Amino acid sequence: MTAIISAAQVKELRELTGAGMMECKKALAETNGEMEKAIEVLRKSGAAKAGKKAGRVAAEGAVVIAKAGKQAIMLEINSETDFVARDSNFTSFAKAVGEAALKAKEQDVEKISQLILTDYQSRGVEAVRHELISKIGENVQIRRAVLSNSSAASMGIYLHGSRIGVVVELDTDNEALARDLAMHIAASRPIVISPEHVSQDLIAKEKEIYLAQAASSGKPQEIIEKMVAGRLKKFLDEVSLVGQPFVKDPDVTVGSLLSKHKAKVLAFYRFEVGEGIEKITEDFKEAVMSQVQGS
């Protein structure tokens, strides 16, 4: 005899799994109203859905930072849309992964995926990620992570919303300066600490561009060489932290600020959501229809 499925059972299953109403009703009917078996059915079908979504581009998401004492970890966790990146299911997962990675002192993404999340009934990160994909209907990926050096004298962290994150390590105990530098790095995007850290390949590429630009000026070679040298110096200052004007006081360079405080930047890390990922522009109407049709 087929069990009668009540609205209360469907509601309970939805709350437990986050699956759709019709999916819950179907799973309960298939298992004769047995809740545990229905959850298993949904998890199996959810895993299949997650697999279908795993190939879709996830270029939105959030940067999360977890900190304890003098150590911090920063991660970028991606979703397909900014809407999902603000969803509480996504943000709770991201926070839990950050805390687990910090506790394990692990920055390797593959190893992070094998960690256990105590906030999710001690289930593994990968299992919870697949369930989240099924629940929110989008691909979710842990893209990258970086663990700070606990031997730094002070560390500054800064999150600009959830899209940009920065961690800075100093050789002196000055938390206020470290935080100011983290905010500066978020705004000014340096790629290295000082000019000598810029790769020779990048310098050669820029020099080639400047030479080509200057060659059309018709000026003598010695003047061209001076023009190129000046442009190259300006470029090196622009991309290096110590050469940039400090955002809080543009009359002072970051290098001068550090000298004033007798401080040195040991390392910095800057993550911005989606940087370097090729985004796919999707027609909104087609996207909605694909969701309705369950593709």
Protein backbone atom coordinates (compact mmCIF):
# COMPACT_ATOMS: atom_id res chain seq x y z
CA MET A 1 0.00 0.00 0.00
CA THR A 2 1.36 3.44 -0.99
CA ALA A 3 1.85 5.81 1.91
CA ILE A 4 0.06 9.16 1.89
CA ILE A 5 2.65 11.94 1.75
CA SER A 6 1.73 14.98 3.82
CA ALA A 7 2.67 18.60 3.17
CA ALA A 8 4.49 18.62 6.53
CA GLN A 9 6.73 15.76 5.39
CA VAL A 10 7.54 17.56 2.14
CA LYS A 11 8.32 20.75 4.10
CA GLU A 12 10.58 18.85 6.51
CA LEU A 13 12.48 17.18 3.67
CA ARG A 14 12.92 20.51 1.90
CA GLU A 15 14.37 22.05 5.06
CA LEU A 16 16.74 19.11 5.53
CA THR A 17 17.99 18.98 1.94
CA GLY A 18 17.21 22.30 0.27
CA ALA A 19 15.81 20.38 -2.72
CA GLY A 20 12.74 21.51 -4.68
CA MET A 21 9.19 20.75 -3.54
CA MET A 22 8.37 18.38 -6.39
CA GLU A 23 11.69 16.55 -5.98
CA CYS A 24 10.98 16.07 -2.27
CA LYS A 25 7.45 14.84 -2.92
CA LYS A 26 8.69 12.39 -5.54
CA ALA A 27 11.48 11.09 -3.27
CA LEU A 28 9.03 10.55 -0.38
CA ALA A 29 6.61 8.73 -2.65
CA GLU A 30 9.43 6.56 -3.99
CA THR A 31 10.51 5.59 -0.47
CA ASN A 32 7.01 5.18 0.97
CA GLY A 33 7.41 8.20 3.21
CA GLU A 34 10.64 7.08 4.92
CA MET A 35 12.58 10.29 5.55
CA GLU A 36 16.10 8.84 5.75
CA LYS A 37 15.69 6.88 2.53
CA ALA A 38 14.20 9.94 0.82
CA ILE A 39 17.24 12.00 1.85
CA GLU A 40 19.48 9.31 0.35
CA VAL A 41 17.51 9.39 -2.92
CA LEU A 42 17.85 13.17 -3.11
CA ARG A 43 21.55 13.06 -2.29
CA LYS A 44 22.09 10.60 -5.12
CA SER A 45 20.14 12.68 -7.61
CA GLY A 46 21.77 15.82 -6.24
CA ALA A 47 25.22 14.38 -6.84
CA ALA A 48 24.23 13.72 -10.45
CA LYS A 49 23.08 17.32 -10.83
CA ALA A 50 26.28 18.59 -9.28
CA GLY A 51 28.25 16.57 -11.80
CA LYS A 52 26.36 18.20 -14.69
CA LYS A 53 27.08 21.67 -13.31
CA ALA A 54 30.76 21.04 -12.54
CA GLY A 55 31.91 22.10 -16.00
CA ARG A 56 30.20 25.49 -15.95
CA VAL A 57 32.29 28.63 -15.55
CA ALA A 58 32.37 29.94 -11.97
CA ALA A 59 33.79 33.47 -12.17
CA GLU A 60 31.88 35.16 -9.35
CA GLY A 61 32.05 34.24 -5.67
CA ALA A 62 33.84 35.54 -2.59
CA VAL A 63 37.22 36.01 -0.99
CA VAL A 64 37.28 34.85 2.63
CA ILE A 65 39.95 35.36 5.28
CA ALA A 66 40.23 33.37 8.50
CA LYS A 67 42.64 34.59 11.18
CA ALA A 68 43.86 33.22 14.49
CA GLY A 69 46.71 34.84 16.38
CA LYS A 70 49.51 35.71 13.95
CA GLN A 71 48.36 33.35 11.20
CA ALA A 72 45.73 33.83 8.53
CA ILE A 73 44.51 32.05 5.43
CA MET A 74 42.85 33.64 2.42
CA LEU A 75 40.73 31.71 -0.07
CA GLU A 76 38.81 32.46 -3.24
CA ILE A 77 35.66 30.36 -3.57
CA ASN A 78 33.73 30.79 -6.81
CA SER A 79 30.12 30.59 -7.90
CA GLU A 80 28.55 31.32 -11.27
CA THR A 81 26.64 34.46 -10.25
CA ASP A 82 27.04 37.29 -7.77
CA PHE A 83 23.50 36.56 -6.56
CA VAL A 84 24.54 33.12 -5.28
CA ALA A 85 27.77 34.54 -3.83
CA ARG A 86 25.58 36.57 -1.44
CA ASP A 87 23.36 33.58 -0.53
CA SER A 88 23.67 32.47 3.11
CA ASN A 89 24.21 28.83 2.09
CA PHE A 90 27.23 29.86 0.02
CA THR A 91 28.68 32.30 2.58
CA SER A 92 28.30 29.78 5.43
CA PHE A 93 30.12 27.14 3.38
CA ALA A 94 32.91 29.56 2.45
CA LYS A 95 33.39 30.62 6.09
CA ALA A 96 33.46 26.99 7.29
CA VAL A 97 36.05 26.03 4.65
CA GLY A 98 38.25 28.98 5.63
CA GLU A 99 38.15 28.03 9.31
CA ALA A 100 38.89 24.36 8.56
CA ALA A 101 41.82 25.27 6.29
CA LEU A 102 43.29 27.60 8.93
CA LYS A 103 42.95 24.98 11.65
CA ALA A 104 44.72 22.44 9.42
CA LYS A 105 47.24 25.08 8.23
CA GLU A 106 46.57 23.89 4.70
CA GLN A 107 46.72 25.97 1.50
CA ASP A 108 46.70 23.20 -1.10
CA VAL A 109 43.22 23.22 -2.68
CA GLU A 110 43.15 19.46 -3.26
CA LYS A 111 43.99 18.81 0.39
CA ILE A 112 41.50 21.44 1.58
CA SER A 113 38.81 19.52 -0.32
CA GLN A 114 39.56 16.49 1.87
CA LEU A 115 39.18 18.33 5.19
CA ILE A 116 36.28 17.75 7.59
CA LEU A 117 33.74 20.49 8.35
CA THR A 118 32.60 20.29 11.97
CA ASP A 119 29.79 22.78 11.27
CA TYR A 120 28.32 20.32 8.75
CA GLN A 121 27.97 17.25 10.97
CA SER A 122 31.66 16.39 10.45
CA ARG A 123 31.24 15.74 6.73
CA GLY A 124 33.99 16.31 4.19
CA VAL A 125 34.40 19.57 2.27
CA GLU A 126 33.90 17.86 -1.09
CA ALA A 127 30.67 16.14 -0.04
CA VAL A 128 29.26 19.40 1.34
CA ARG A 129 30.33 21.25 -1.83
CA HIS A 130 28.42 18.79 -4.02
CA GLU A 131 25.33 19.14 -1.86
CA LEU A 132 25.63 22.93 -2.09
CA ILE A 133 25.82 22.74 -5.90
CA SER A 134 22.62 20.71 -5.90
CA LYS A 135 20.92 23.09 -3.48
CA ILE A 136 21.74 26.40 -5.14
CA GLY A 137 21.81 25.16 -8.75
CA GLU A 138 25.24 26.54 -9.61
CA ASN A 139 28.80 25.31 -9.89
CA VAL A 140 30.91 26.08 -6.81
CA GLN A 141 34.70 25.79 -6.84
CA ILE A 142 37.46 26.36 -4.29
CA ARG A 143 39.87 28.11 -6.63
CA ARG A 144 42.95 29.06 -4.58
CA ALA A 145 44.26 29.64 -1.08
CA VAL A 146 47.30 31.15 0.58
CA LEU A 147 48.52 30.70 4.15
CA SER A 148 50.39 33.56 5.80
CA ASN A 149 53.80 33.14 7.44
CA SER A 150 53.25 32.85 11.18
CA SER A 151 56.79 34.10 11.87
CA ALA A 152 55.95 37.64 10.66
CA ALA A 153 56.08 40.25 13.45
CA SER A 154 52.73 41.70 12.42
CA MET A 155 50.08 40.99 9.83
CA GLY A 156 47.48 43.19 8.22
CA ILE A 157 44.30 41.87 6.63
CA TYR A 158 41.66 43.71 4.67
CA LEU A 159 38.47 42.65 2.92
CA HIS A 160 36.79 45.04 0.51
CA GLY A 161 33.29 43.63 0.69
CA SER A 162 33.76 40.02 -0.33
CA ARG A 163 35.38 40.65 -3.72
CA ILE A 164 38.92 41.76 -2.80
CA GLY A 165 41.08 40.39 -0.02
CA VAL A 166 44.62 41.30 1.06
CA VAL A 167 47.07 39.87 3.58
CA VAL A 168 50.32 41.75 4.38
CA GLU A 169 53.26 40.53 6.48
CA LEU A 170 55.65 42.98 8.18
CA ASP A 171 58.97 42.44 9.94
CA THR A 172 57.98 44.87 12.73
CA ASP A 173 55.16 44.85 15.25
CA ASN A 174 52.84 47.50 13.81
CA GLU A 175 49.30 46.24 13.22
CA ALA A 176 47.96 49.68 12.27
CA LEU A 177 50.59 50.15 9.55
CA ALA A 178 50.02 46.60 8.30
CA ARG A 179 46.27 47.25 7.94
CA ASP A 180 46.86 50.59 6.19
CA LEU A 181 49.15 48.81 3.72
CA ALA A 182 46.55 46.09 3.16
CA MET A 183 43.98 48.75 2.29
CA HIS A 184 46.50 50.45 -0.01
CA ILE A 185 47.25 47.18 -1.83
CA ALA A 186 43.53 46.50 -2.30
CA ALA A 187 43.14 49.89 -4.02
CA SER A 188 46.44 50.22 -5.92
CA ARG A 189 47.10 46.64 -7.12
CA PRO A 190 50.90 46.41 -6.94
CA ILE A 191 52.29 43.20 -8.41
CA VAL A 192 55.62 43.10 -6.50
CA ILE A 193 57.12 44.63 -3.34
CA SER A 194 59.98 46.53 -5.03
CA PRO A 195 61.21 47.19 -8.61
CA GLU A 196 63.96 44.57 -8.40
CA HIS A 197 61.28 41.91 -8.02
CA VAL A 198 59.75 42.66 -11.44
CA SER A 199 60.54 39.81 -13.85
CA GLN A 200 63.08 40.46 -16.60
CA ASP A 201 60.61 39.16 -19.17
CA LEU A 202 58.06 41.82 -18.21
CA ILE A 203 60.72 44.54 -18.23
CA ALA A 204 61.92 43.45 -21.69
CA LYS A 205 58.35 43.45 -23.01
CA GLU A 206 57.65 46.97 -21.69
CA LYS A 207 61.00 48.26 -22.99
CA GLU A 208 60.20 46.91 -26.46
CA ILE A 209 56.86 48.75 -26.44
CA TYR A 210 58.44 52.02 -25.29
CA LEU A 211 61.19 51.77 -27.92
CA ALA A 212 58.59 51.26 -30.65
CA GLN A 213 56.61 54.26 -29.42
CA ALA A 214 59.68 56.50 -29.14
CA ALA A 215 61.07 55.46 -32.53
CA SER A 216 58.25 57.26 -34.32
CA SER A 217 59.13 60.53 -32.59
CA GLY A 218 62.03 61.19 -34.97
CA LYS A 219 64.27 62.21 -32.05
CA PRO A 220 68.00 61.30 -31.85
CA GLN A 221 68.88 57.87 -30.44
CA GLU A 222 70.37 59.22 -27.21
CA ILE A 223 67.16 61.17 -26.52
CA ILE A 224 65.07 58.07 -27.29
CA GLU A 225 67.13 56.05 -24.81
CA LYS A 226 66.54 58.65 -22.10
CA MET A 227 62.81 58.70 -22.88
CA VAL A 228 62.62 54.91 -22.64
CA ALA A 229 64.61 54.85 -19.38
CA GLY A 230 62.25 57.43 -17.86
CA ARG A 231 59.12 55.55 -18.91
CA LEU A 232 60.57 52.27 -17.66
CA LYS A 233 61.34 53.80 -14.23
CA LYS A 234 57.79 55.16 -14.03
CA PHE A 235 56.40 51.72 -14.93
CA LEU A 236 58.52 49.98 -12.28
CA ASP A 237 57.33 52.44 -9.63
CA GLU A 238 53.69 51.96 -10.67
CA VAL A 239 53.76 48.16 -10.34
CA SER A 240 55.89 47.95 -7.19
CA LEU A 241 54.46 48.59 -3.73
CA VAL A 242 57.31 50.75 -2.43
CA GLY A 243 57.23 53.02 -5.49
CA GLN A 244 53.51 53.83 -5.32
CA PRO A 245 52.06 56.99 -3.74
CA PHE A 246 50.42 55.99 -0.45
CA VAL A 247 46.61 56.15 -0.84
CA LYS A 248 46.12 58.00 2.47
CA ASP A 249 48.80 60.56 1.63
CA PRO A 250 49.73 60.71 -2.10
CA ASP A 251 52.64 63.07 -1.34
CA VAL A 252 54.44 60.17 0.34
CA THR A 253 55.49 56.91 -1.31
CA VAL A 254 54.91 53.60 0.43
CA GLY A 255 58.70 53.16 0.50
CA SER A 256 59.09 56.43 2.43
CA LEU A 257 56.30 55.43 4.80
CA LEU A 258 58.03 52.14 5.54
CA SER A 259 61.35 53.89 6.13
CA LYS A 260 59.69 56.30 8.57
CA HIS A 261 58.37 53.36 10.61
CA LYS A 262 61.60 51.34 10.16
CA ALA A 263 59.48 48.55 8.69
CA LYS A 264 59.82 46.13 5.80
CA VAL A 265 57.14 44.23 3.89
CA LEU A 266 58.04 40.55 3.90
CA ALA A 267 55.20 39.48 1.63
CA PHE A 268 51.73 40.45 0.47
CA TYR A 269 48.90 38.54 -1.17
CA ARG A 270 45.98 40.06 -3.05
CA PHE A 271 42.98 38.08 -4.32
CA GLU A 272 40.22 39.55 -6.44
CA VAL A 273 37.18 37.46 -7.32
CA GLY A 274 37.28 36.12 -10.86
CA GLU A 275 40.60 37.69 -11.92
CA GLY A 276 42.07 35.71 -14.78
CA ILE A 277 38.90 33.68 -15.38
CA GLU A 278 37.29 34.05 -18.78
CA LYS A 279 33.65 34.89 -18.16
CA ILE A 280 30.89 33.70 -20.45
CA THR A 281 28.14 36.22 -21.20
CA GLU A 282 24.84 34.40 -21.21
CA ASP A 283 21.54 35.69 -22.56
CA PHE A 284 19.32 36.29 -19.51
CA LYS A 285 16.17 34.90 -21.14
CA GLU A 286 18.00 31.74 -22.23
CA ALA A 287 19.52 31.36 -18.74
CA VAL A 288 16.10 31.52 -17.11
CA MET A 289 14.62 29.06 -19.59
CA SER A 290 17.46 26.63 -19.05
CA GLN A 291 16.77 26.71 -15.31
CA VAL A 292 13.05 26.16 -15.85
CA GLN A 293 13.73 23.25 -18.19
CA GLY A 294 16.25 21.77 -15.77
CA SER A 295 19.17 21.76 -18.20
